[in-house]
Amino acid sequence: VPEGKYSFVVFRGGTTSVATINISKDEKWEGFVSLLKASVESSKVYGIAYVDPGEAEKKAKLCRGPDEWQDCLACLLREKDRELEIDFLDQPPVKPYRLALKLNKKEKKKISYPNPYDREVTFELSTNSEIAVLKEKSVTIAKGDKGPIILSFPPQADPRTETVIVGLAEAGGDFTHTVKIISTWSADA
């Protein structure tokens, strides 16, 4: 790491780093995003994921804007070697759900999807499935809140498992969020 600088080691979903970004301790989110776009040759940045090595629970945190940037930058500044590994995200992470459904019965299920932004957002909903019908075509979720995705499943006579993909396209935005629902029909659901 160059003297007086701090480094983000950038990964893109694999085990080999794709770039190193050197910044000063007072770098702003917008400046970092410009450096990130240039270093990974991407026009879109959803955000970055990182793990704070100082926390007991090694859970990935997301950084998608100026507010979350302050926490990410503070984490980097605490590192003795002035280096932090990050994962570049050009799309929102997939959110998985599991649903247990009863055989021979029409089922209606509601899952909650969190608004990951510090503003209200409207999502246009779509699905790849013919056995899961969306009740609504869109959902508006307040800042810091969760919104309902309501699905209707027709009766199924035989035990089976099917994966249903629900897309949540940001109205007026660049990103489509993805919900992956593992739906399992059984007699003892």
N, C-alpha and C. Protein backbone atom coordinates (compact mmCIF):
# COMPACT_ATOMS: atom_id res chain seq x y z
N VAL A 1 0.85 -1.18 0.00
CA VAL A 1 0.00 0.00 0.00
C VAL A 1 0.90 1.24 0.00
N PRO A 2 0.68 2.14 -0.95
CA PRO A 2 1.51 3.35 -1.00
C PRO A 2 1.39 4.18 0.29
N GLU A 3 2.44 4.87 0.64
CA GLU A 3 2.47 5.71 1.84
C GLU A 3 1.34 6.73 1.79
N GLY A 4 0.62 6.86 2.91
CA GLY A 4 -0.46 7.84 3.01
C GLY A 4 -1.74 7.43 2.30
N LYS A 5 -1.79 6.22 1.76
CA LYS A 5 -2.97 5.74 1.04
C LYS A 5 -3.55 4.52 1.76
N TYR A 6 -4.76 4.17 1.35
CA TYR A 6 -5.47 2.99 1.85
C TYR A 6 -5.95 2.23 0.62
N SER A 7 -5.95 0.91 0.71
CA SER A 7 -6.26 0.09 -0.49
C SER A 7 -7.47 -0.79 -0.30
N PHE A 8 -8.32 -0.78 -1.33
CA PHE A 8 -9.39 -1.77 -1.45
C PHE A 8 -8.91 -2.79 -2.47
N VAL A 9 -8.91 -4.06 -2.08
CA VAL A 9 -8.58 -5.14 -3.01
C VAL A 9 -9.92 -5.66 -3.52
N VAL A 10 -10.13 -5.54 -4.82
CA VAL A 10 -11.43 -5.78 -5.43
C VAL A 10 -11.51 -7.20 -6.00
N PHE A 11 -12.59 -7.89 -5.63
CA PHE A 11 -12.91 -9.21 -6.18
C PHE A 11 -14.22 -9.08 -6.92
N ARG A 12 -14.45 -10.02 -7.83
CA ARG A 12 -15.70 -10.00 -8.61
C ARG A 12 -16.33 -11.38 -8.57
N GLY A 13 -16.61 -11.85 -7.35
CA GLY A 13 -17.27 -13.13 -7.17
C GLY A 13 -16.35 -14.34 -7.16
N GLY A 14 -15.09 -14.17 -7.39
CA GLY A 14 -14.17 -15.31 -7.40
C GLY A 14 -13.15 -15.21 -6.28
N THR A 15 -12.08 -15.99 -6.41
CA THR A 15 -11.05 -16.00 -5.39
C THR A 15 -9.80 -15.24 -5.82
N THR A 16 -9.83 -14.68 -7.02
CA THR A 16 -8.70 -13.91 -7.53
C THR A 16 -9.09 -12.44 -7.62
N SER A 17 -8.27 -11.57 -7.07
CA SER A 17 -8.60 -10.15 -7.12
C SER A 17 -8.49 -9.64 -8.56
N VAL A 18 -9.33 -8.67 -8.89
CA VAL A 18 -9.35 -8.12 -10.24
C VAL A 18 -8.78 -6.71 -10.30
N ALA A 19 -8.61 -6.08 -9.13
CA ALA A 19 -8.08 -4.72 -9.10
C ALA A 19 -7.71 -4.35 -7.67
N THR A 20 -6.90 -3.32 -7.55
CA THR A 20 -6.61 -2.68 -6.27
C THR A 20 -6.85 -1.20 -6.46
N ILE A 21 -7.63 -0.62 -5.56
CA ILE A 21 -7.94 0.81 -5.64
C ILE A 21 -7.32 1.49 -4.44
N ASN A 22 -6.42 2.43 -4.69
CA ASN A 22 -5.78 3.20 -3.62
C ASN A 22 -6.50 4.52 -3.46
N ILE A 23 -6.85 4.84 -2.21
CA ILE A 23 -7.59 6.07 -1.93
C ILE A 23 -6.94 6.81 -0.76
N SER A 24 -7.33 8.07 -0.61
CA SER A 24 -6.91 8.82 0.58
C SER A 24 -7.98 8.62 1.65
N LYS A 25 -7.66 8.99 2.89
CA LYS A 25 -8.58 8.73 4.00
C LYS A 25 -9.85 9.57 3.95
N ASP A 26 -9.87 10.60 3.11
CA ASP A 26 -11.07 11.44 3.02
C ASP A 26 -11.79 11.30 1.67
N GLU A 27 -11.58 10.16 1.00
CA GLU A 27 -12.23 9.91 -0.30
C GLU A 27 -13.75 9.91 -0.13
N LYS A 28 -14.44 10.52 -1.08
CA LYS A 28 -15.90 10.55 -1.09
C LYS A 28 -16.42 9.36 -1.90
N TRP A 29 -17.68 8.97 -1.65
CA TRP A 29 -18.31 7.85 -2.34
C TRP A 29 -18.26 8.03 -3.86
N GLU A 30 -18.61 9.21 -4.33
CA GLU A 30 -18.66 9.46 -5.77
C GLU A 30 -17.28 9.25 -6.41
N GLY A 31 -16.23 9.72 -5.75
CA GLY A 31 -14.87 9.55 -6.26
C GLY A 31 -14.47 8.09 -6.28
N PHE A 32 -14.84 7.36 -5.22
CA PHE A 32 -14.54 5.94 -5.16
C PHE A 32 -15.25 5.19 -6.29
N VAL A 33 -16.52 5.51 -6.53
CA VAL A 33 -17.29 4.84 -7.58
C VAL A 33 -16.63 5.06 -8.94
N SER A 34 -16.16 6.26 -9.20
CA SER A 34 -15.47 6.54 -10.47
C SER A 34 -14.22 5.66 -10.62
N LEU A 35 -13.45 5.56 -9.55
CA LEU A 35 -12.25 4.71 -9.57
C LEU A 35 -12.63 3.24 -9.76
N LEU A 36 -13.70 2.81 -9.09
CA LEU A 36 -14.15 1.42 -9.19
C LEU A 36 -14.61 1.10 -10.61
N LYS A 37 -15.42 1.96 -11.20
CA LYS A 37 -15.90 1.74 -12.58
C LYS A 37 -14.72 1.59 -13.54
N ALA A 38 -13.73 2.47 -13.39
CA ALA A 38 -12.57 2.43 -14.29
C ALA A 38 -11.74 1.16 -14.07
N SER A 39 -11.61 0.74 -12.82
CA SER A 39 -10.74 -0.41 -12.53
C SER A 39 -11.37 -1.75 -12.92
N VAL A 40 -12.70 -1.84 -12.89
CA VAL A 40 -13.36 -3.10 -13.27
C VAL A 40 -14.02 -3.01 -14.64
N GLU A 41 -13.85 -1.87 -15.30
CA GLU A 41 -14.41 -1.65 -16.64
C GLU A 41 -15.91 -1.94 -16.70
N SER A 42 -16.63 -1.27 -15.81
CA SER A 42 -18.08 -1.43 -15.76
C SER A 42 -18.74 -0.06 -15.73
N SER A 43 -19.88 0.05 -16.38
CA SER A 43 -20.59 1.32 -16.37
C SER A 43 -21.60 1.37 -15.22
N LYS A 44 -21.91 0.20 -14.63
CA LYS A 44 -22.90 0.14 -13.56
C LYS A 44 -22.26 -0.35 -12.27
N VAL A 45 -22.56 0.33 -11.17
CA VAL A 45 -22.11 -0.11 -9.85
C VAL A 45 -23.33 -0.12 -8.95
N TYR A 46 -23.73 -1.31 -8.49
CA TYR A 46 -24.79 -1.39 -7.50
C TYR A 46 -24.21 -1.07 -6.13
N GLY A 47 -23.00 -1.57 -5.88
CA GLY A 47 -22.35 -1.33 -4.60
C GLY A 47 -21.19 -2.29 -4.41
N ILE A 48 -20.77 -2.40 -3.17
CA ILE A 48 -19.72 -3.35 -2.80
C ILE A 48 -20.15 -4.08 -1.54
N ALA A 49 -19.59 -5.27 -1.36
CA ALA A 49 -19.81 -6.04 -0.14
C ALA A 49 -18.46 -6.21 0.53
N TYR A 50 -18.48 -6.18 1.86
CA TYR A 50 -17.24 -6.35 2.62
C TYR A 50 -17.57 -6.96 3.97
N VAL A 51 -16.55 -7.49 4.61
CA VAL A 51 -16.68 -8.04 5.96
C VAL A 51 -15.76 -7.23 6.86
N ASP A 52 -16.29 -6.78 7.99
CA ASP A 52 -15.47 -6.05 8.96
C ASP A 52 -14.69 -7.06 9.78
N PRO A 53 -13.35 -7.15 9.57
CA PRO A 53 -12.55 -8.14 10.28
C PRO A 53 -12.57 -7.96 11.80
N GLY A 54 -12.92 -6.77 12.27
CA GLY A 54 -12.94 -6.49 13.70
C GLY A 54 -14.20 -6.97 14.40
N GLU A 55 -15.20 -7.38 13.67
CA GLU A 55 -16.45 -7.83 14.28
C GLU A 55 -16.44 -9.34 14.48
N ALA A 56 -17.02 -9.78 15.58
CA ALA A 56 -17.06 -11.21 15.90
C ALA A 56 -17.88 -11.97 14.86
N GLU A 57 -19.02 -11.40 14.46
CA GLU A 57 -19.88 -12.04 13.46
C GLU A 57 -19.39 -11.61 12.08
N LYS A 58 -18.84 -12.54 11.34
CA LYS A 58 -18.26 -12.24 10.02
C LYS A 58 -19.36 -12.24 8.96
N LYS A 59 -20.24 -11.26 9.04
CA LYS A 59 -21.36 -11.15 8.11
C LYS A 59 -21.07 -10.06 7.08
N ALA A 60 -21.36 -10.35 5.82
CA ALA A 60 -21.11 -9.38 4.76
C ALA A 60 -22.01 -8.16 4.94
N LYS A 61 -21.42 -6.99 4.74
CA LYS A 61 -22.15 -5.73 4.78
C LYS A 61 -22.16 -5.16 3.37
N LEU A 62 -23.22 -4.43 3.05
CA LEU A 62 -23.31 -3.79 1.74
C LEU A 62 -23.04 -2.31 1.86
N CYS A 63 -22.44 -1.77 0.83
CA CYS A 63 -22.20 -0.33 0.73
C CYS A 63 -22.70 0.09 -0.64
N ARG A 64 -23.77 0.95 -0.63
CA ARG A 64 -24.40 1.34 -1.89
C ARG A 64 -24.55 2.83 -2.05
N GLY A 65 -24.00 3.61 -1.14
CA GLY A 65 -24.16 5.05 -1.25
C GLY A 65 -23.37 5.78 -0.18
N PRO A 66 -23.47 7.10 -0.17
CA PRO A 66 -22.67 7.91 0.75
C PRO A 66 -22.83 7.57 2.23
N ASP A 67 -24.06 7.25 2.67
CA ASP A 67 -24.26 6.94 4.09
C ASP A 67 -23.53 5.66 4.48
N GLU A 68 -23.71 4.60 3.69
CA GLU A 68 -23.04 3.33 3.99
C GLU A 68 -21.53 3.43 3.75
N TRP A 69 -21.13 4.33 2.88
CA TRP A 69 -19.71 4.53 2.59
C TRP A 69 -18.94 4.94 3.85
N GLN A 70 -19.57 5.74 4.69
CA GLN A 70 -18.89 6.18 5.92
C GLN A 70 -18.48 4.99 6.78
N ASP A 71 -19.37 3.99 6.91
CA ASP A 71 -19.05 2.79 7.70
C ASP A 71 -17.96 1.97 7.03
N CYS A 72 -18.05 1.82 5.71
CA CYS A 72 -17.06 1.04 4.96
C CYS A 72 -15.68 1.70 5.06
N LEU A 73 -15.63 3.01 4.87
CA LEU A 73 -14.37 3.73 4.95
C LEU A 73 -13.78 3.65 6.35
N ALA A 74 -14.62 3.77 7.37
CA ALA A 74 -14.15 3.65 8.76
C ALA A 74 -13.54 2.27 9.02
N CYS A 75 -14.15 1.24 8.44
CA CYS A 75 -13.62 -0.12 8.56
C CYS A 75 -12.23 -0.20 7.94
N LEU A 76 -12.06 0.35 6.75
CA LEU A 76 -10.76 0.35 6.09
C LEU A 76 -9.73 1.12 6.92
N LEU A 77 -10.10 2.26 7.45
CA LEU A 77 -9.17 3.09 8.22
C LEU A 77 -8.73 2.41 9.51
N ARG A 78 -9.53 1.47 10.04
CA ARG A 78 -9.15 0.72 11.25
C ARG A 78 -8.14 -0.39 10.98
N GLU A 79 -8.02 -0.78 9.70
CA GLU A 79 -7.13 -1.90 9.36
C GLU A 79 -5.65 -1.49 9.50
N LYS A 80 -4.90 -2.29 10.27
CA LYS A 80 -3.49 -1.99 10.50
C LYS A 80 -2.67 -2.00 9.21
N ASP A 81 -3.01 -2.92 8.29
CA ASP A 81 -2.26 -2.99 7.02
C ASP A 81 -2.83 -2.05 5.95
N ARG A 82 -3.85 -1.23 6.34
CA ARG A 82 -4.46 -0.23 5.45
C ARG A 82 -5.03 -0.87 4.18
N GLU A 83 -5.58 -2.08 4.31
CA GLU A 83 -6.09 -2.83 3.16
C GLU A 83 -7.36 -3.57 3.55
N LEU A 84 -8.38 -3.54 2.66
CA LEU A 84 -9.63 -4.24 2.91
C LEU A 84 -10.09 -4.90 1.61
N GLU A 85 -10.51 -6.16 1.70
CA GLU A 85 -11.03 -6.88 0.54
C GLU A 85 -12.51 -6.56 0.37
N ILE A 86 -12.91 -6.31 -0.87
CA ILE A 86 -14.30 -6.01 -1.18
C ILE A 86 -14.74 -6.84 -2.39
N ASP A 87 -16.04 -7.08 -2.48
CA ASP A 87 -16.62 -7.72 -3.67
C ASP A 87 -17.40 -6.66 -4.43
N PHE A 88 -17.11 -6.52 -5.72
CA PHE A 88 -17.81 -5.60 -6.60
C PHE A 88 -19.17 -6.20 -6.95
N LEU A 89 -20.22 -5.39 -6.84
CA LEU A 89 -21.58 -5.83 -7.18
C LEU A 89 -22.14 -4.95 -8.29
N ASP A 90 -22.39 -5.56 -9.45
CA ASP A 90 -23.02 -4.79 -10.52
C ASP A 90 -24.52 -5.01 -10.56
N GLN A 91 -25.02 -5.91 -9.72
CA GLN A 91 -26.45 -6.16 -9.56
C GLN A 91 -26.72 -6.45 -8.08
N PRO A 92 -27.94 -6.22 -7.62
CA PRO A 92 -28.27 -6.56 -6.24
C PRO A 92 -28.14 -8.07 -6.01
N PRO A 93 -27.75 -8.48 -4.79
CA PRO A 93 -27.66 -9.91 -4.51
C PRO A 93 -29.04 -10.58 -4.57
N VAL A 94 -29.06 -11.86 -4.91
CA VAL A 94 -30.30 -12.64 -4.96
C VAL A 94 -30.73 -12.94 -3.53
N LYS A 95 -32.03 -12.74 -3.25
CA LYS A 95 -32.57 -13.01 -1.91
C LYS A 95 -33.35 -14.32 -1.98
N PRO A 96 -32.91 -15.35 -1.22
CA PRO A 96 -33.58 -16.65 -1.28
C PRO A 96 -34.69 -16.80 -0.23
N TYR A 97 -35.73 -17.52 -0.58
CA TYR A 97 -36.83 -17.87 0.33
C TYR A 97 -37.20 -19.33 0.09
N ARG A 98 -37.76 -19.96 1.13
CA ARG A 98 -38.31 -21.32 1.01
C ARG A 98 -39.77 -21.28 1.44
N LEU A 99 -40.63 -21.92 0.64
CA LEU A 99 -42.05 -22.00 0.98
C LEU A 99 -42.48 -23.46 1.02
N ALA A 100 -43.19 -23.83 2.09
CA ALA A 100 -43.79 -25.16 2.21
C ALA A 100 -45.26 -25.02 1.83
N LEU A 101 -45.70 -25.83 0.85
CA LEU A 101 -47.06 -25.74 0.35
C LEU A 101 -47.76 -27.09 0.49
N LYS A 102 -49.07 -27.05 0.81
CA LYS A 102 -49.84 -28.28 0.98
C LYS A 102 -50.33 -28.81 -0.36
N LEU A 103 -50.35 -30.12 -0.48
CA LEU A 103 -50.87 -30.77 -1.68
C LEU A 103 -52.38 -30.54 -1.79
N ASN A 104 -52.86 -30.51 -3.02
CA ASN A 104 -54.29 -30.44 -3.34
C ASN A 104 -55.00 -29.23 -2.73
N LYS A 105 -54.27 -28.15 -2.54
CA LYS A 105 -54.87 -26.96 -1.93
C LYS A 105 -54.31 -25.71 -2.60
N LYS A 106 -55.23 -24.79 -2.95
CA LYS A 106 -54.76 -23.50 -3.46
C LYS A 106 -54.12 -22.75 -2.29
N GLU A 107 -52.94 -22.21 -2.51
CA GLU A 107 -52.22 -21.52 -1.44
C GLU A 107 -51.92 -20.09 -1.84
N LYS A 108 -52.03 -19.20 -0.87
CA LYS A 108 -51.62 -17.81 -1.06
C LYS A 108 -50.53 -17.55 -0.03
N LYS A 109 -49.36 -17.07 -0.49
CA LYS A 109 -48.23 -16.84 0.40
C LYS A 109 -47.73 -15.41 0.23
N LYS A 110 -47.30 -14.84 1.35
CA LYS A 110 -46.73 -13.49 1.34
C LYS A 110 -45.30 -13.56 1.85
N ILE A 111 -44.40 -12.97 1.09
CA ILE A 111 -43.03 -12.81 1.56
C ILE A 111 -42.77 -11.30 1.65
N SER A 112 -41.85 -10.92 2.50
CA SER A 112 -41.51 -9.51 2.67
C SER A 112 -40.16 -9.24 2.06
N TYR A 113 -40.11 -8.18 1.26
CA TYR A 113 -38.84 -7.79 0.64
C TYR A 113 -38.42 -6.45 1.21
N PRO A 114 -37.18 -6.36 1.73
CA PRO A 114 -36.74 -5.10 2.34
C PRO A 114 -36.31 -4.07 1.30
N ASN A 115 -36.60 -2.82 1.58
CA ASN A 115 -36.11 -1.72 0.75
C ASN A 115 -34.66 -1.48 1.17
N PRO A 116 -33.70 -1.71 0.26
CA PRO A 116 -32.29 -1.56 0.64
C PRO A 116 -31.77 -0.12 0.57
N TYR A 117 -32.64 0.81 0.23
CA TYR A 117 -32.20 2.19 -0.01
C TYR A 117 -32.60 3.14 1.11
N ASP A 118 -32.00 4.30 1.09
CA ASP A 118 -32.33 5.35 2.06
C ASP A 118 -33.35 6.32 1.46
N ARG A 119 -34.25 5.77 0.63
CA ARG A 119 -35.32 6.53 0.00
C ARG A 119 -36.45 5.55 -0.32
N GLU A 120 -37.65 6.07 -0.58
CA GLU A 120 -38.76 5.23 -1.02
C GLU A 120 -38.46 4.70 -2.42
N VAL A 121 -38.88 3.48 -2.69
CA VAL A 121 -38.65 2.91 -4.02
C VAL A 121 -39.89 2.11 -4.45
N THR A 122 -40.17 2.17 -5.75
CA THR A 122 -41.24 1.37 -6.34
C THR A 122 -40.60 0.30 -7.22
N PHE A 123 -41.04 -0.93 -7.03
CA PHE A 123 -40.55 -2.06 -7.83
C PHE A 123 -41.68 -2.55 -8.72
N GLU A 124 -41.36 -2.77 -10.01
CA GLU A 124 -42.29 -3.43 -10.93
C GLU A 124 -41.99 -4.92 -10.82
N LEU A 125 -43.01 -5.74 -10.52
CA LEU A 125 -42.82 -7.16 -10.26
C LEU A 125 -43.08 -8.01 -11.50
N SER A 126 -42.31 -9.09 -11.62
CA SER A 126 -42.52 -10.06 -12.70
C SER A 126 -42.07 -11.42 -12.18
N THR A 127 -42.54 -12.48 -12.84
CA THR A 127 -42.12 -13.82 -12.45
C THR A 127 -41.91 -14.68 -13.70
N ASN A 128 -41.07 -15.71 -13.53
CA ASN A 128 -40.78 -16.63 -14.62
C ASN A 128 -41.69 -17.85 -14.58
N SER A 129 -42.58 -17.90 -13.60
CA SER A 129 -43.34 -19.12 -13.31
C SER A 129 -44.78 -19.05 -13.81
N GLU A 130 -45.27 -20.20 -14.26
CA GLU A 130 -46.68 -20.29 -14.62
C GLU A 130 -47.51 -20.84 -13.46
N ILE A 131 -46.84 -21.35 -12.42
CA ILE A 131 -47.59 -21.90 -11.28
C ILE A 131 -47.66 -20.93 -10.10
N ALA A 132 -46.98 -19.81 -10.19
CA ALA A 132 -47.05 -18.79 -9.15
C ALA A 132 -47.54 -17.50 -9.80
N VAL A 133 -48.68 -17.01 -9.32
CA VAL A 133 -49.27 -15.81 -9.88
C VAL A 133 -49.10 -14.67 -8.89
N LEU A 134 -48.56 -13.55 -9.37
CA LEU A 134 -48.38 -12.37 -8.52
C LEU A 134 -49.71 -11.66 -8.34
N LYS A 135 -50.03 -11.28 -7.09
CA LYS A 135 -51.28 -10.56 -6.82
C LYS A 135 -51.18 -9.13 -7.34
N GLU A 136 -50.02 -8.50 -7.16
CA GLU A 136 -49.82 -7.12 -7.58
C GLU A 136 -48.73 -7.06 -8.65
N LYS A 137 -48.79 -6.04 -9.49
CA LYS A 137 -47.77 -5.85 -10.53
C LYS A 137 -46.65 -4.93 -10.06
N SER A 138 -46.87 -4.21 -8.94
CA SER A 138 -45.83 -3.34 -8.40
C SER A 138 -46.03 -3.21 -6.89
N VAL A 139 -44.96 -2.78 -6.23
CA VAL A 139 -45.01 -2.53 -4.79
C VAL A 139 -44.12 -1.32 -4.50
N THR A 140 -44.64 -0.40 -3.69
CA THR A 140 -43.87 0.76 -3.26
C THR A 140 -43.52 0.55 -1.79
N ILE A 141 -42.22 0.69 -1.49
CA ILE A 141 -41.73 0.41 -0.14
C ILE A 141 -41.06 1.66 0.41
N ALA A 142 -41.49 2.06 1.59
CA ALA A 142 -40.91 3.24 2.25
C ALA A 142 -39.47 2.97 2.67
N LYS A 143 -38.72 4.03 2.85
CA LYS A 143 -37.34 3.95 3.32
C LYS A 143 -37.28 3.14 4.62
N GLY A 144 -36.37 2.16 4.66
CA GLY A 144 -36.17 1.35 5.87
C GLY A 144 -37.28 0.37 6.18
N ASP A 145 -38.21 0.17 5.25
CA ASP A 145 -39.36 -0.70 5.50
C ASP A 145 -39.29 -1.94 4.62
N LYS A 146 -40.27 -2.84 4.80
CA LYS A 146 -40.40 -4.03 3.97
C LYS A 146 -41.73 -3.96 3.25
N GLY A 147 -41.76 -4.54 2.05
CA GLY A 147 -42.99 -4.54 1.27
C GLY A 147 -43.42 -5.96 0.95
N PRO A 148 -44.73 -6.18 0.78
CA PRO A 148 -45.23 -7.53 0.52
C PRO A 148 -45.16 -7.93 -0.94
N ILE A 149 -44.76 -9.17 -1.14
CA ILE A 149 -44.88 -9.81 -2.45
C ILE A 149 -45.83 -10.98 -2.20
N ILE A 150 -47.03 -10.91 -2.80
CA ILE A 150 -48.05 -11.93 -2.56
C ILE A 150 -48.17 -12.80 -3.80
N LEU A 151 -48.03 -14.11 -3.57
CA LEU A 151 -48.08 -15.10 -4.65
C LEU A 151 -49.22 -16.07 -4.39
N SER A 152 -49.88 -16.46 -5.47
CA SER A 152 -50.94 -17.46 -5.40
C SER A 152 -50.47 -18.70 -6.16
N PHE A 153 -50.63 -19.86 -5.51
CA PHE A 153 -50.22 -21.14 -6.11
C PHE A 153 -51.44 -22.03 -6.29
N PRO A 154 -51.71 -22.53 -7.50
CA PRO A 154 -52.85 -23.42 -7.70
C PRO A 154 -52.59 -24.78 -7.04
N PRO A 155 -53.65 -25.57 -6.83
CA PRO A 155 -53.46 -26.88 -6.20
C PRO A 155 -52.52 -27.78 -7.02
N GLN A 156 -51.70 -28.54 -6.33
CA GLN A 156 -50.81 -29.51 -6.96
C GLN A 156 -51.11 -30.88 -6.34
N ALA A 157 -51.28 -31.89 -7.18
CA ALA A 157 -51.65 -33.22 -6.70
C ALA A 157 -50.45 -34.04 -6.23
N ASP A 158 -49.28 -33.78 -6.80
CA ASP A 158 -48.11 -34.62 -6.50
C ASP A 158 -47.02 -33.81 -5.80
N PRO A 159 -46.29 -34.48 -4.89
CA PRO A 159 -45.17 -33.79 -4.23
C PRO A 159 -44.14 -33.35 -5.27
N ARG A 160 -43.63 -32.16 -5.11
CA ARG A 160 -42.62 -31.65 -6.04
C ARG A 160 -41.98 -30.40 -5.45
N THR A 161 -40.90 -30.01 -6.07
CA THR A 161 -40.21 -28.77 -5.71
C THR A 161 -39.98 -27.98 -6.98
N GLU A 162 -40.26 -26.70 -6.93
CA GLU A 162 -40.05 -25.84 -8.09
C GLU A 162 -39.44 -24.51 -7.63
N THR A 163 -38.54 -24.01 -8.43
CA THR A 163 -37.92 -22.72 -8.14
C THR A 163 -38.67 -21.64 -8.92
N VAL A 164 -39.10 -20.62 -8.19
CA VAL A 164 -39.81 -19.50 -8.78
C VAL A 164 -38.91 -18.27 -8.64
N ILE A 165 -38.69 -17.58 -9.74
CA ILE A 165 -37.89 -16.36 -9.73
C ILE A 165 -38.82 -15.16 -9.86
N VAL A 166 -38.72 -14.23 -8.92
CA VAL A 166 -39.48 -12.99 -8.99
C VAL A 166 -38.49 -11.85 -9.22
N GLY A 167 -38.73 -11.07 -10.26
CA GLY A 167 -37.90 -9.91 -10.55
C GLY A 167 -38.56 -8.66 -10.01
N LEU A 168 -37.77 -7.80 -9.39
CA LEU A 168 -38.25 -6.53 -8.87
C LEU A 168 -37.45 -5.42 -9.57
N ALA A 169 -37.99 -4.90 -10.66
CA ALA A 169 -37.30 -3.86 -11.43
C ALA A 169 -37.59 -2.50 -10.80
N GLU A 170 -36.54 -1.76 -10.51
CA GLU A 170 -36.71 -0.44 -9.92
C GLU A 170 -37.36 0.48 -10.96
N ALA A 171 -38.49 1.07 -10.61
CA ALA A 171 -39.15 2.01 -11.51
C ALA A 171 -38.22 3.21 -11.71
N GLY A 172 -37.85 3.47 -12.95
CA GLY A 172 -36.97 4.58 -13.26
C GLY A 172 -35.52 4.34 -12.88
N GLY A 173 -35.18 3.11 -12.56
CA GLY A 173 -33.80 2.80 -12.13
C GLY A 173 -33.12 1.83 -13.06
N ASP A 174 -31.87 1.54 -12.74
CA ASP A 174 -31.05 0.66 -13.58
C ASP A 174 -31.04 -0.79 -13.13
N PHE A 175 -31.55 -1.09 -11.94
CA PHE A 175 -31.33 -2.41 -11.36
C PHE A 175 -32.61 -3.22 -11.21
N THR A 176 -32.46 -4.53 -11.39
CA THR A 176 -33.54 -5.46 -11.12
C THR A 176 -33.08 -6.37 -9.98
N HIS A 177 -33.83 -6.36 -8.90
CA HIS A 177 -33.55 -7.22 -7.76
C HIS A 177 -34.18 -8.57 -8.05
N THR A 178 -33.63 -9.62 -7.46
CA THR A 178 -34.12 -10.97 -7.72
C THR A 178 -34.44 -11.69 -6.42
N VAL A 179 -35.63 -12.30 -6.39
CA VAL A 179 -36.04 -13.16 -5.28
C VAL A 179 -36.14 -14.57 -5.84
N LYS A 180 -35.45 -15.51 -5.21
CA LYS A 180 -35.48 -16.92 -5.62
C LYS A 180 -36.27 -17.68 -4.55
N ILE A 181 -37.41 -18.24 -4.97
CA ILE A 181 -38.30 -18.92 -4.04
C ILE A 181 -38.30 -20.42 -4.34
N ILE A 182 -37.83 -21.21 -3.39
CA ILE A 182 -37.87 -22.67 -3.51
C ILE A 182 -39.23 -23.11 -2.94
N SER A 183 -40.12 -23.53 -3.82
CA SER A 183 -41.49 -23.91 -3.42
C SER A 183 -41.58 -25.44 -3.40
N THR A 184 -41.97 -25.98 -2.24
CA THR A 184 -42.05 -27.43 -2.07
C THR A 184 -43.46 -27.84 -1.65
N TRP A 185 -44.10 -28.69 -2.46
CA TRP A 185 -45.42 -29.23 -2.14
C TRP A 185 -45.24 -30.59 -1.48
N SER A 186 -45.93 -30.77 -0.34
CA SER A 186 -45.90 -32.08 0.33
C SER A 186 -47.18 -32.25 1.16
N ALA A 187 -47.45 -33.49 1.57
CA ALA A 187 -48.64 -33.79 2.35
C ALA A 187 -48.54 -33.21 3.75
N ASP A 188 -47.33 -33.08 4.27
CA ASP A 188 -47.15 -32.61 5.65
C ASP A 188 -46.62 -31.18 5.73
N ALA A 189 -46.92 -30.37 4.73
CA ALA A 189 -46.45 -28.96 4.73
C ALA A 189 -47.16 -28.16 5.80
